[in-house]
Amino acid sequence: MKNIIEEITELTNQWYELIGNQHHKDRDCHWYIETKWSYGNLPTYIVWHHGYILDEIEENWSTYDLALKRLKEILEEKIKEEREWQKNDEEED
């Protein structure tokens, strides 16, 4: 698990560096995995991000490991999309 946490940490740094020169709010740089305990059931793990640059992200997972893997995937996907958007934006200028 330590490796994926280190990878996610690096991805969040890449995300910050990517959007850091844009107009953004603090919450654009925060990503969460929240544990939800309800009605005596096993917990669920919610991957979420409530920024301004991206649409709201909120996904439920049955295990913490699955939530970590999904957070990593989301970050990789959004970093790629943002790089492509910035590249296209620069080409238009």
PDB file of N, CA and C in Angstrom:
ATOM      1  N   MET A   1       0.828  -1.204   0.000  1.00  0.00           N
ATOM      2  CA  MET A   1       0.000   0.000   0.000  1.00  0.00           C
ATOM      3  C   MET A   1       0.865   1.256   0.000  1.00  0.00           C
ATOM      4  N   LYS A   2       2.041   1.192   0.591  1.00  0.00           N
ATOM      5  CA  LYS A   2       2.881   2.387   0.663  1.00  0.00           C
ATOM      6  C   LYS A   2       3.215   2.915  -0.729  1.00  0.00           C
ATOM      7  N   ASN A   3       3.480   2.011  -1.674  1.00  0.00           N
ATOM      8  CA  ASN A   3       3.825   2.467  -3.020  1.00  0.00           C
ATOM      9  C   ASN A   3       2.703   3.264  -3.658  1.00  0.00           C
ATOM     10  N   ILE A   4       1.475   2.792  -3.531  1.00  0.00           N
ATOM     11  CA  ILE A   4       0.374   3.518  -4.161  1.00  0.00           C
ATOM     12  C   ILE A   4       0.146   4.863  -3.477  1.00  0.00           C
ATOM     13  N   ILE A   5       0.357   4.931  -2.182  1.00  0.00           N
ATOM     14  CA  ILE A   5       0.226   6.218  -1.485  1.00  0.00           C
ATOM     15  C   ILE A   5       1.303   7.189  -1.969  1.00  0.00           C
ATOM     16  N   GLU A   6       2.515   6.683  -2.138  1.00  0.00           N
ATOM     17  CA  GLU A   6       3.584   7.538  -2.675  1.00  0.00           C
ATOM     18  C   GLU A   6       3.260   7.986  -4.101  1.00  0.00           C
ATOM     19  N   GLU A   7       2.692   7.076  -4.905  1.00  0.00           N
ATOM     20  CA  GLU A   7       2.323   7.428  -6.277  1.00  0.00           C
ATOM     21  C   GLU A   7       1.225   8.491  -6.288  1.00  0.00           C
ATOM     22  N   ILE A   8       0.232   8.334  -5.443  1.00  0.00           N
ATOM     23  CA  ILE A   8      -0.848   9.319  -5.367  1.00  0.00           C
ATOM     24  C   ILE A   8      -0.311  10.660  -4.889  1.00  0.00           C
ATOM     25  N   THR A   9       0.597  10.624  -3.942  1.00  0.00           N
ATOM     26  CA  THR A   9       1.214  11.861  -3.455  1.00  0.00           C
ATOM     27  C   THR A   9       1.925  12.580  -4.599  1.00  0.00           C
ATOM     28  N   GLU A  10       2.662  11.840  -5.406  1.00  0.00           N
ATOM     29  CA  GLU A  10       3.344  12.440  -6.555  1.00  0.00           C
ATOM     30  C   GLU A  10       2.335  12.968  -7.577  1.00  0.00           C
ATOM     31  N   LEU A  11       1.262  12.234  -7.804  1.00  0.00           N
ATOM     32  CA  LEU A  11       0.238  12.685  -8.749  1.00  0.00           C
ATOM     33  C   LEU A  11      -0.447  13.959  -8.263  1.00  0.00           C
ATOM     34  N   THR A  12      -0.714  14.057  -6.956  1.00  0.00           N
ATOM     35  CA  THR A  12      -1.334  15.287  -6.453  1.00  0.00           C
ATOM     36  C   THR A  12      -0.379  16.468  -6.612  1.00  0.00           C
ATOM     37  N   ASN A  13       0.909  16.205  -6.501  1.00  0.00           N
ATOM     38  CA  ASN A  13       1.898  17.263  -6.738  1.00  0.00           C
ATOM     39  C   ASN A  13       1.896  17.673  -8.213  1.00  0.00           C
ATOM     40  N   GLN A  14       1.842  16.692  -9.100  1.00  0.00           N
ATOM     41  CA  GLN A  14       1.772  17.004 -10.533  1.00  0.00           C
ATOM     42  C   GLN A  14       0.517  17.812 -10.847  1.00  0.00           C
ATOM     43  N   TRP A  15      -0.602  17.424 -10.242  1.00  0.00           N
ATOM     44  CA  TRP A  15      -1.856  18.146 -10.462  1.00  0.00           C
ATOM     45  C   TRP A  15      -1.715  19.600 -10.016  1.00  0.00           C
ATOM     46  N   TYR A  16      -1.140  19.797  -8.838  1.00  0.00           N
ATOM     47  CA  TYR A  16      -0.964  21.161  -8.324  1.00  0.00           C
ATOM     48  C   TYR A  16      -0.066  21.984  -9.254  1.00  0.00           C
ATOM     49  N   GLU A  17       1.046  21.395  -9.684  1.00  0.00           N
ATOM     50  CA  GLU A  17       1.946  22.116 -10.576  1.00  0.00           C
ATOM     51  C   GLU A  17       1.274  22.447 -11.904  1.00  0.00           C
ATOM     52  N   LEU A  18       0.404  21.559 -12.360  1.00  0.00           N
ATOM     53  CA  LEU A  18      -0.285  21.750 -13.623  1.00  0.00           C
ATOM     54  C   LEU A  18      -1.303  22.888 -13.552  1.00  0.00           C
ATOM     55  N   ILE A  19      -2.034  22.970 -12.456  1.00  0.00           N
ATOM     56  CA  ILE A  19      -3.072  24.002 -12.349  1.00  0.00           C
ATOM     57  C   ILE A  19      -2.615  25.223 -11.560  1.00  0.00           C
ATOM     58  N   GLY A  20      -1.440  25.158 -10.965  1.00  0.00           N
ATOM     59  CA  GLY A  20      -0.962  26.215 -10.080  1.00  0.00           C
ATOM     60  C   GLY A  20      -0.871  27.584 -10.709  1.00  0.00           C
ATOM     61  N   ASN A  21      -0.605  27.638 -12.010  1.00  0.00           N
ATOM     62  CA  ASN A  21      -0.481  28.958 -12.647  1.00  0.00           C
ATOM     63  C   ASN A  21      -1.815  29.462 -13.181  1.00  0.00           C
ATOM     64  N   GLN A  22      -2.874  28.660 -13.046  1.00  0.00           N
ATOM     65  CA  GLN A  22      -4.210  29.083 -13.452  1.00  0.00           C
ATOM     66  C   GLN A  22      -4.917  29.719 -12.263  1.00  0.00           C
ATOM     67  N   HIS A  23      -6.042  30.347 -12.564  1.00  0.00           N
ATOM     68  CA  HIS A  23      -6.881  30.854 -11.478  1.00  0.00           C
ATOM     69  C   HIS A  23      -7.579  29.652 -10.862  1.00  0.00           C
ATOM     70  N   HIS A  24      -7.202  29.299  -9.650  1.00  0.00           N
ATOM     71  CA  HIS A  24      -7.834  28.172  -8.977  1.00  0.00           C
ATOM     72  C   HIS A  24      -8.032  28.497  -7.514  1.00  0.00           C
ATOM     73  N   LYS A  25      -8.891  27.738  -6.894  1.00  0.00           N
ATOM     74  CA  LYS A  25      -9.156  27.888  -5.470  1.00  0.00           C
ATOM     75  C   LYS A  25      -8.452  26.751  -4.729  1.00  0.00           C
ATOM     76  N   ASP A  26      -8.287  26.924  -3.448  1.00  0.00           N
ATOM     77  CA  ASP A  26      -7.594  25.924  -2.630  1.00  0.00           C
ATOM     78  C   ASP A  26      -8.217  24.545  -2.779  1.00  0.00           C
ATOM     79  N   ARG A  27      -9.529  24.474  -2.850  1.00  0.00           N
ATOM     80  CA  ARG A  27     -10.176  23.163  -2.885  1.00  0.00           C
ATOM     81  C   ARG A  27      -9.905  22.404  -4.173  1.00  0.00           C
ATOM     82  N   ASP A  28      -9.392  23.057  -5.219  1.00  0.00           N
ATOM     83  CA  ASP A  28      -9.006  22.354  -6.441  1.00  0.00           C
ATOM     84  C   ASP A  28      -7.830  21.404  -6.211  1.00  0.00           C
ATOM     85  N   CYS A  29      -7.118  21.590  -5.128  1.00  0.00           N
ATOM     86  CA  CYS A  29      -5.913  20.810  -4.860  1.00  0.00           C
ATOM     87  C   CYS A  29      -6.105  19.725  -3.797  1.00  0.00           C
ATOM     88  N   HIS A  30      -7.337  19.483  -3.397  1.00  0.00           N
ATOM     89  CA  HIS A  30      -7.591  18.481  -2.362  1.00  0.00           C
ATOM     90  C   HIS A  30      -8.389  17.314  -2.922  1.00  0.00           C
ATOM     91  N   TRP A  31      -7.949  16.108  -2.565  1.00  0.00           N
ATOM     92  CA  TRP A  31      -8.571  14.854  -2.988  1.00  0.00           C
ATOM     93  C   TRP A  31      -8.799  14.033  -1.728  1.00  0.00           C
ATOM     94  N   TYR A  32      -9.905  13.313  -1.673  1.00  0.00           N
ATOM     95  CA  TYR A  32     -10.266  12.631  -0.432  1.00  0.00           C
ATOM     96  C   TYR A  32     -10.686  11.187  -0.656  1.00  0.00           C
ATOM     97  N   ILE A  33     -10.424  10.367   0.362  1.00  0.00           N
ATOM     98  CA  ILE A  33     -11.077   9.076   0.516  1.00  0.00           C
ATOM     99  C   ILE A  33     -11.676   9.101   1.909  1.00  0.00           C
ATOM    100  N   GLU A  34     -12.991   9.079   1.937  1.00  0.00           N
ATOM    101  CA  GLU A  34     -13.732   9.182   3.196  1.00  0.00           C
ATOM    102  C   GLU A  34     -14.329   7.808   3.530  1.00  0.00           C
ATOM    103  N   THR A  35     -14.304   7.443   4.801  1.00  0.00           N
ATOM    104  CA  THR A  35     -14.924   6.193   5.245  1.00  0.00           C
ATOM    105  C   THR A  35     -16.322   6.497   5.756  1.00  0.00           C
ATOM    106  N   LYS A  36     -17.298   5.740   5.253  1.00  0.00           N
ATOM    107  CA  LYS A  36     -18.690   5.948   5.652  1.00  0.00           C
ATOM    108  C   LYS A  36     -19.199   4.688   6.356  1.00  0.00           C
ATOM    109  N   TRP A  37     -19.618   4.859   7.609  1.00  0.00           N
ATOM    110  CA  TRP A  37     -20.200   3.773   8.401  1.00  0.00           C
ATOM    111  C   TRP A  37     -21.689   4.029   8.522  1.00  0.00           C
ATOM    112  N   SER A  38     -22.529   3.059   8.117  1.00  0.00           N
ATOM    113  CA  SER A  38     -23.975   3.274   8.140  1.00  0.00           C
ATOM    114  C   SER A  38     -24.737   2.017   8.544  1.00  0.00           C
ATOM    115  N   TYR A  39     -25.677   2.188   9.444  1.00  0.00           N
ATOM    116  CA  TYR A  39     -26.680   1.171   9.766  1.00  0.00           C
ATOM    117  C   TYR A  39     -26.117  -0.211  10.082  1.00  0.00           C
ATOM    118  N   GLY A  40     -24.974  -0.287  10.704  1.00  0.00           N
ATOM    119  CA  GLY A  40     -24.397  -1.574  11.057  1.00  0.00           C
ATOM    120  C   GLY A  40     -23.816  -2.344   9.887  1.00  0.00           C
ATOM    121  N   ASN A  41     -23.748  -1.722   8.716  1.00  0.00           N
ATOM    122  CA  ASN A  41     -23.167  -2.365   7.537  1.00  0.00           C
ATOM    123  C   ASN A  41     -21.660  -2.161   7.514  1.00  0.00           C
ATOM    124  N   LEU A  42     -21.002  -2.932   6.678  1.00  0.00           N
ATOM    125  CA  LEU A  42     -19.573  -2.719   6.472  1.00  0.00           C
ATOM    126  C   LEU A  42     -19.364  -1.310   5.908  1.00  0.00           C
ATOM    127  N   PRO A  43     -18.228  -0.726   6.187  1.00  0.00           N
ATOM    128  CA  PRO A  43     -17.995   0.637   5.687  1.00  0.00           C
ATOM    129  C   PRO A  43     -17.849   0.660   4.164  1.00  0.00           C
ATOM    130  N   THR A  44     -18.122   1.824   3.607  1.00  0.00           N
ATOM    131  CA  THR A  44     -17.798   2.091   2.206  1.00  0.00           C
ATOM    132  C   THR A  44     -16.780   3.220   2.193  1.00  0.00           C
ATOM    133  N   TYR A  45     -16.063   3.314   1.115  1.00  0.00           N
ATOM    134  CA  TYR A  45     -14.991   4.305   0.985  1.00  0.00           C
ATOM    135  C   TYR A  45     -15.327   5.192  -0.202  1.00  0.00           C
ATOM    136  N   ILE A  46     -15.423   6.469   0.050  1.00  0.00           N
ATOM    137  CA  ILE A  46     -15.858   7.419  -0.964  1.00  0.00           C
ATOM    138  C   ILE A  46     -14.655   8.221  -1.450  1.00  0.00           C
ATOM    139  N   VAL A  47     -14.364   8.084  -2.728  1.00  0.00           N
ATOM    140  CA  VAL A  47     -13.340   8.896  -3.380  1.00  0.00           C
ATOM    141  C   VAL A  47     -14.049  10.154  -3.831  1.00  0.00           C
ATOM    142  N   TRP A  48     -13.547  11.315  -3.388  1.00  0.00           N
ATOM    143  CA  TRP A  48     -14.210  12.551  -3.809  1.00  0.00           C
ATOM    144  C   TRP A  48     -13.259  13.718  -3.972  1.00  0.00           C
ATOM    145  N   HIS A  49     -13.735  14.611  -4.822  1.00  0.00           N
ATOM    146  CA  HIS A  49     -13.028  15.857  -5.113  1.00  0.00           C
ATOM    147  C   HIS A  49     -14.097  16.879  -5.447  1.00  0.00           C
ATOM    148  N   HIS A  50     -14.085  17.983  -4.743  1.00  0.00           N
ATOM    149  CA  HIS A  50     -15.074  19.042  -4.971  1.00  0.00           C
ATOM    150  C   HIS A  50     -14.340  20.343  -5.279  1.00  0.00           C
ATOM    151  N   GLY A  51     -13.768  20.393  -6.467  1.00  0.00           N
ATOM    152  CA  GLY A  51     -13.056  21.589  -6.883  1.00  0.00           C
ATOM    153  C   GLY A  51     -13.888  22.423  -7.834  1.00  0.00           C
ATOM    154  N   TYR A  52     -13.250  23.410  -8.422  1.00  0.00           N
ATOM    155  CA  TYR A  52     -13.899  24.269  -9.400  1.00  0.00           C
ATOM    156  C   TYR A  52     -13.474  23.920 -10.824  1.00  0.00           C
ATOM    157  N   ILE A  53     -12.219  23.508 -10.980  1.00  0.00           N
ATOM    158  CA  ILE A  53     -11.700  23.210 -12.314  1.00  0.00           C
ATOM    159  C   ILE A  53     -12.361  21.954 -12.878  1.00  0.00           C
ATOM    160  N   LEU A  54     -12.527  20.940 -12.062  1.00  0.00           N
ATOM    161  CA  LEU A  54     -13.157  19.685 -12.477  1.00  0.00           C
ATOM    162  C   LEU A  54     -14.594  19.635 -12.001  1.00  0.00           C
ATOM    163  N   ASP A  55     -15.375  18.823 -12.682  1.00  0.00           N
ATOM    164  CA  ASP A  55     -16.705  18.529 -12.165  1.00  0.00           C
ATOM    165  C   ASP A  55     -16.541  17.783 -10.849  1.00  0.00           C
ATOM    166  N   GLU A  56     -17.595  17.765 -10.062  1.00  0.00           N
ATOM    167  CA  GLU A  56     -17.558  17.037  -8.804  1.00  0.00           C
ATOM    168  C   GLU A  56     -17.315  15.562  -9.066  1.00  0.00           C
ATOM    169  N   ILE A  57     -16.451  14.975  -8.256  1.00  0.00           N
ATOM    170  CA  ILE A  57     -16.175  13.548  -8.335  1.00  0.00           C
ATOM    171  C   ILE A  57     -16.599  12.944  -7.008  1.00  0.00           C
ATOM    172  N   GLU A  58     -17.392  11.896  -7.060  1.00  0.00           N
ATOM    173  CA  GLU A  58     -17.796  11.196  -5.845  1.00  0.00           C
ATOM    174  C   GLU A  58     -18.153   9.766  -6.226  1.00  0.00           C
ATOM    175  N   GLU A  59     -17.314   8.816  -5.808  1.00  0.00           N
ATOM    176  CA  GLU A  59     -17.506   7.413  -6.135  1.00  0.00           C
ATOM    177  C   GLU A  59     -17.383   6.566  -4.877  1.00  0.00           C
ATOM    178  N   ASN A  60     -18.242   5.560  -4.740  1.00  0.00           N
ATOM    179  CA  ASN A  60     -18.231   4.658  -3.592  1.00  0.00           C
ATOM    180  C   ASN A  60     -17.524   3.350  -3.945  1.00  0.00           C
ATOM    181  N   TRP A  61     -16.705   2.880  -3.003  1.00  0.00           N
ATOM    182  CA  TRP A  61     -15.972   1.629  -3.185  1.00  0.00           C
ATOM    183  C   TRP A  61     -16.109   0.775  -1.931  1.00  0.00           C
ATOM    184  N   SER A  62     -16.032  -0.534  -2.118  1.00  0.00           N
ATOM    185  CA  SER A  62     -16.251  -1.457  -1.001  1.00  0.00           C
ATOM    186  C   SER A  62     -15.017  -1.654  -0.128  1.00  0.00           C
ATOM    187  N   THR A  63     -13.827  -1.347  -0.665  1.00  0.00           N
ATOM    188  CA  THR A  63     -12.602  -1.485   0.137  1.00  0.00           C
ATOM    189  C   THR A  63     -11.728  -0.248  -0.030  1.00  0.00           C
ATOM    190  N   TYR A  64     -10.879  -0.029   0.958  1.00  0.00           N
ATOM    191  CA  TYR A  64      -9.948   1.094   0.905  1.00  0.00           C
ATOM    192  C   TYR A  64      -8.961   0.912  -0.247  1.00  0.00           C
ATOM    193  N   ASP A  65      -8.505  -0.314  -0.469  1.00  0.00           N
ATOM    194  CA  ASP A  65      -7.562  -0.575  -1.561  1.00  0.00           C
ATOM    195  C   ASP A  65      -8.164  -0.224  -2.920  1.00  0.00           C
ATOM    196  N   LEU A  66      -9.431  -0.608  -3.133  1.00  0.00           N
ATOM    197  CA  LEU A  66     -10.088  -0.255  -4.393  1.00  0.00           C
ATOM    198  C   LEU A  66     -10.223   1.260  -4.533  1.00  0.00           C
ATOM    199  N   ALA A  67     -10.529   1.932  -3.436  1.00  0.00           N
ATOM    200  CA  ALA A  67     -10.652   3.390  -3.462  1.00  0.00           C
ATOM    201  C   ALA A  67      -9.303   4.038  -3.794  1.00  0.00           C
ATOM    202  N   LEU A  68      -8.230   3.534  -3.219  1.00  0.00           N
ATOM    203  CA  LEU A  68      -6.896   4.057  -3.536  1.00  0.00           C
ATOM    204  C   LEU A  68      -6.579   3.875  -5.016  1.00  0.00           C
ATOM    205  N   LYS A  69      -6.834   2.682  -5.527  1.00  0.00           N
ATOM    206  CA  LYS A  69      -6.559   2.417  -6.945  1.00  0.00           C
ATOM    207  C   LYS A  69      -7.366   3.353  -7.836  1.00  0.00           C
ATOM    208  N   ARG A  70      -8.625   3.556  -7.479  1.00  0.00           N
ATOM    209  CA  ARG A  70      -9.468   4.434  -8.284  1.00  0.00           C
ATOM    210  C   ARG A  70      -9.015   5.887  -8.205  1.00  0.00           C
ATOM    211  N   LEU A  71      -8.606   6.341  -7.023  1.00  0.00           N
ATOM    212  CA  LEU A  71      -8.101   7.705  -6.896  1.00  0.00           C
ATOM    213  C   LEU A  71      -6.873   7.896  -7.781  1.00  0.00           C
ATOM    214  N   LYS A  72      -5.997   6.917  -7.793  1.00  0.00           N
ATOM    215  CA  LYS A  72      -4.818   6.994  -8.656  1.00  0.00           C
ATOM    216  C   LYS A  72      -5.232   7.084 -10.122  1.00  0.00           C
ATOM    217  N   GLU A  73      -6.184   6.248 -10.540  1.00  0.00           N
ATOM    218  CA  GLU A  73      -6.670   6.280 -11.926  1.00  0.00           C
ATOM    219  C   GLU A  73      -7.275   7.639 -12.279  1.00  0.00           C
ATOM    220  N   ILE A  74      -8.080   8.158 -11.381  1.00  0.00           N
ATOM    221  CA  ILE A  74      -8.720   9.461 -11.627  1.00  0.00           C
ATOM    222  C   ILE A  74      -7.664  10.547 -11.803  1.00  0.00           C
ATOM    223  N   LEU A  75      -6.693  10.572 -10.908  1.00  0.00           N
ATOM    224  CA  LEU A  75      -5.640  11.585 -11.008  1.00  0.00           C
ATOM    225  C   LEU A  75      -4.873  11.456 -12.319  1.00  0.00           C
ATOM    226  N   GLU A  76      -4.506  10.232 -12.693  1.00  0.00           N
ATOM    227  CA  GLU A  76      -3.784  10.038 -13.952  1.00  0.00           C
ATOM    228  C   GLU A  76      -4.624  10.523 -15.141  1.00  0.00           C
ATOM    229  N   GLU A  77      -5.899  10.180 -15.127  1.00  0.00           N
ATOM    230  CA  GLU A  77      -6.815  10.574 -16.196  1.00  0.00           C
ATOM    231  C   GLU A  77      -6.975  12.093 -16.265  1.00  0.00           C
ATOM    232  N   LYS A  78      -7.181  12.728 -15.122  1.00  0.00           N
ATOM    233  CA  LYS A  78      -7.420  14.170 -15.102  1.00  0.00           C
ATOM    234  C   LYS A  78      -6.156  14.958 -15.435  1.00  0.00           C
ATOM    235  N   ILE A  79      -5.003  14.456 -15.020  1.00  0.00           N
ATOM    236  CA  ILE A  79      -3.735  15.102 -15.382  1.00  0.00           C
ATOM    237  C   ILE A  79      -3.549  15.048 -16.896  1.00  0.00           C
ATOM    238  N   LYS A  80      -3.814  13.892 -17.488  1.00  0.00           N
ATOM    239  CA  LYS A  80      -3.692  13.750 -18.942  1.00  0.00           C
ATOM    240  C   LYS A  80      -4.651  14.698 -19.658  1.00  0.00           C
ATOM    241  N   GLU A  81      -5.905  14.733 -19.220  1.00  0.00           N
ATOM    242  CA  GLU A  81      -6.891  15.629 -19.827  1.00  0.00           C
ATOM    243  C   GLU A  81      -6.478  17.092 -19.702  1.00  0.00           C
ATOM    244  N   GLU A  82      -5.988  17.472 -18.525  1.00  0.00           N
ATOM    245  CA  GLU A  82      -5.593  18.868 -18.304  1.00  0.00           C
ATOM    246  C   GLU A  82      -4.394  19.237 -19.173  1.00  0.00           C
ATOM    247  N   ARG A  83      -3.428  18.331 -19.299  1.00  0.00           N
ATOM    248  CA  ARG A  83      -2.273  18.604 -20.169  1.00  0.00           C
ATOM    249  C   ARG A  83      -2.716  18.801 -21.612  1.00  0.00           C
ATOM    250  N   GLU A  84      -3.626  17.946 -22.076  1.00  0.00           N
ATOM    251  CA  GLU A  84      -4.134  18.072 -23.448  1.00  0.00           C
ATOM    252  C   GLU A  84      -4.894  19.385 -23.617  1.00  0.00           C
ATOM    253  N   TRP A  85      -5.710  19.748 -22.633  1.00  0.00           N
ATOM    254  CA  TRP A  85      -6.464  20.992 -22.699  1.00  0.00           C
ATOM    255  C   TRP A  85      -5.512  22.184 -22.757  1.00  0.00           C
ATOM    256  N   GLN A  86      -4.476  22.175 -21.893  1.00  0.00           N
ATOM    257  CA  GLN A  86      -3.525  23.284 -21.884  1.00  0.00           C
ATOM    258  C   GLN A  86      -2.752  23.353 -23.195  1.00  0.00           C
ATOM    259  N   LYS A  87      -2.388  22.193 -23.738  1.00  0.00           N
ATOM    260  CA  LYS A  87      -1.665  22.170 -25.013  1.00  0.00           C
ATOM    261  C   LYS A  87      -2.535  22.759 -26.121  1.00  0.00           C
ATOM    262  N   ASN A  88      -3.788  22.349 -26.191  1.00  0.00           N
ATOM    263  CA  ASN A  88      -4.708  22.879 -27.199  1.00  0.00           C
ATOM    264  C   ASN A  88      -4.951  24.370 -27.014  1.00  0.00           C
ATOM    265  N   ASP A  89      -5.038  24.805 -25.767  1.00  0.00           N
ATOM    266  CA  ASP A  89      -5.238  26.217 -25.459  1.00  0.00           C
ATOM    267  C   ASP A  89      -4.046  27.041 -25.923  1.00  0.00           C
ATOM    268  N   GLU A  90      -2.841  26.530 -25.696  1.00  0.00           N
ATOM    269  CA  GLU A  90      -1.621  27.234 -26.139  1.00  0.00           C
ATOM    270  C   GLU A  90      -1.556  27.305 -27.657  1.00  0.00           C
ATOM    271  N   GLU A  91      -1.970  26.243 -28.325  1.00  0.00           N
ATOM    272  CA  GLU A  91      -1.937  26.227 -29.795  1.00  0.00           C
ATOM    273  C   GLU A  91      -2.912  27.229 -30.401  1.00  0.00           C
ATOM    274  N   GLU A  92      -4.031  27.458 -29.694  1.00  0.00           N
ATOM    275  CA  GLU A  92      -5.023  28.414 -30.180  1.00  0.00           C
ATOM    276  C   GLU A  92      -4.540  29.861 -30.029  1.00  0.00           C
ATOM    277  N   ASP A  93      -3.652  30.101 -29.059  1.00  0.00           N
ATOM    278  CA  ASP A  93      -3.160  31.467 -28.835  1.00  0.00           C
ATOM    279  C   ASP A  93      -2.187  31.856 -29.864  1.00  0.00           C
TER     280      ASP A  93
END
